[in-house]
Protein backbone atom coordinates (compact mmCIF):
# COMPACT_ATOMS: atom_id res chain seq x y z
CA MET A 1 128.14 72.55 65.46
CA ASP A 2 131.23 72.81 67.50
CA PRO A 3 130.83 75.70 70.23
CA LYS A 4 134.62 76.84 69.57
CA GLN A 5 133.57 77.03 65.67
CA THR A 6 130.10 78.85 66.29
CA LEU A 7 132.02 81.67 68.36
CA LEU A 8 134.56 81.73 65.37
CA THR A 9 132.12 82.35 62.78
CA LYS A 10 129.91 84.79 65.06
CA LEU A 11 133.57 87.27 65.82
CA ALA A 12 134.15 87.10 62.00
CA ARG A 13 131.21 88.01 61.26
CA ILE A 14 130.40 90.75 64.07
CA PHE A 15 133.73 92.67 63.06
CA SER A 16 133.94 92.38 59.46
CA ASP A 17 132.87 95.84 58.78
CA ALA A 18 134.85 96.91 61.58
CA LYS A 19 131.66 97.80 63.64
CA VAL A 20 130.02 96.18 66.21
CA ASP A 21 126.02 97.80 66.33
CA ASP A 22 124.16 96.97 69.67
CA GLY A 23 122.35 94.10 67.99
CA GLU A 24 125.62 92.46 66.91
CA ARG A 25 126.80 93.02 70.79
CA ALA A 26 123.58 91.66 72.56
CA GLU A 27 124.04 88.73 69.76
CA LEU A 28 127.83 88.62 71.11
CA ARG A 29 126.75 88.75 75.27
CA ALA A 30 124.17 86.41 75.02
CA PHE A 31 126.57 83.69 73.28
CA LEU A 32 129.61 84.24 76.05
CA ALA A 33 126.58 84.30 79.09
CA SER A 34 125.32 81.09 77.19
CA GLY A 35 127.63 78.32 78.94
CA GLU A 36 128.34 76.97 75.79
CA LEU A 37 132.25 77.32 76.52
CA SER A 38 133.88 77.97 79.81
CA ASN A 39 136.28 80.41 80.58
CA THR A 40 139.09 78.86 79.16
CA GLU A 41 137.61 78.27 76.07
CA LEU A 42 136.71 81.49 75.47
CA ARG A 43 140.37 82.53 75.73
CA ALA A 44 141.40 80.24 73.46
CA VAL A 45 138.70 81.26 70.67
CA PHE A 46 139.83 84.59 71.18
CA GLU A 47 143.45 84.03 71.09
CA GLN A 48 142.68 81.85 68.05
CA PHE A 49 140.64 84.87 66.59
CA VAL A 50 143.01 87.64 67.50
CA THR A 51 145.57 85.45 65.84
CA THR A 52 144.19 84.51 62.57
CA THR A 53 142.62 87.92 62.03
CA TRP A 54 146.07 88.98 62.70
CA LYS A 55 147.39 86.87 59.72
CA ALA A 56 144.85 88.82 57.72
CA THR A 57 145.31 91.80 58.26
CA ILE A 58 149.12 91.55 57.06
CA ALA A 59 148.55 89.44 54.51
CA ASP A 60 149.37 92.85 52.06
CA ASN A 61 151.84 94.09 54.32
CA HIS A 62 149.91 97.18 54.72
CA VAL A 63 147.51 97.85 57.89
CA SER A 64 144.63 99.91 56.41
CA GLU A 65 142.63 102.29 58.11
CA LEU A 66 140.19 99.69 58.37
CA GLU A 67 141.92 97.34 59.06
CA LYS A 68 143.57 99.37 62.21
CA GLN A 69 139.49 100.58 63.09
CA ARG A 70 138.93 96.57 63.16
CA LEU A 71 141.75 95.57 65.29
CA ARG A 72 140.70 98.56 68.20
CA GLU A 73 137.16 97.46 68.28
CA ILE A 74 137.94 93.95 68.26
CA VAL A 75 140.26 94.90 71.66
CA ARG A 76 137.35 97.39 72.96
CA VAL A 77 134.53 95.15 72.61
CA LEU A 78 135.76 91.69 73.61
CA GLY A 79 138.27 93.45 76.25
CA LEU A 80 141.23 91.56 75.55
CA ASP A 81 144.43 92.36 77.75
CA ALA A 82 148.06 93.16 75.95
CA SER A 83 148.97 89.64 76.42
CA VAL A 84 146.94 88.03 74.57
CA LEU A 85 147.77 89.96 71.69
CA PRO A 86 150.55 89.73 68.95
CA LYS A 87 153.17 92.48 69.90
CA GLU A 88 152.72 93.67 66.60
CA TRP A 89 149.17 95.12 67.03
CA ILE A 90 149.47 97.67 69.56
CA PRO A 91 152.09 100.20 67.05
CA ALA A 92 149.41 98.83 64.10
CA MET A 93 146.26 100.19 66.09
CA ARG A 94 148.07 103.80 66.37
CA ASP A 95 146.96 106.34 64.35
CA GLU A 96 149.56 107.70 62.09
């Protein structure tokens, strides 16, 4: 399987329950450290994952608490900069 697709699949699985456990974190770190993807490729995959996640999140025009938790966990675990996030994502993560 293509390394980019492999990473997208891992990200979807790891963040599916909105919580990243130690084993998942270690698995992700190992893949990122493997050198299979360049930093530029990693950024592109992360941006694609963010875009896809956002589309799924707003598909029903409502951001649930679980979805907010998932968004926050993605930002925290991946160490994402706000510049790669859809502008609507930041307010959606806030507790209301």
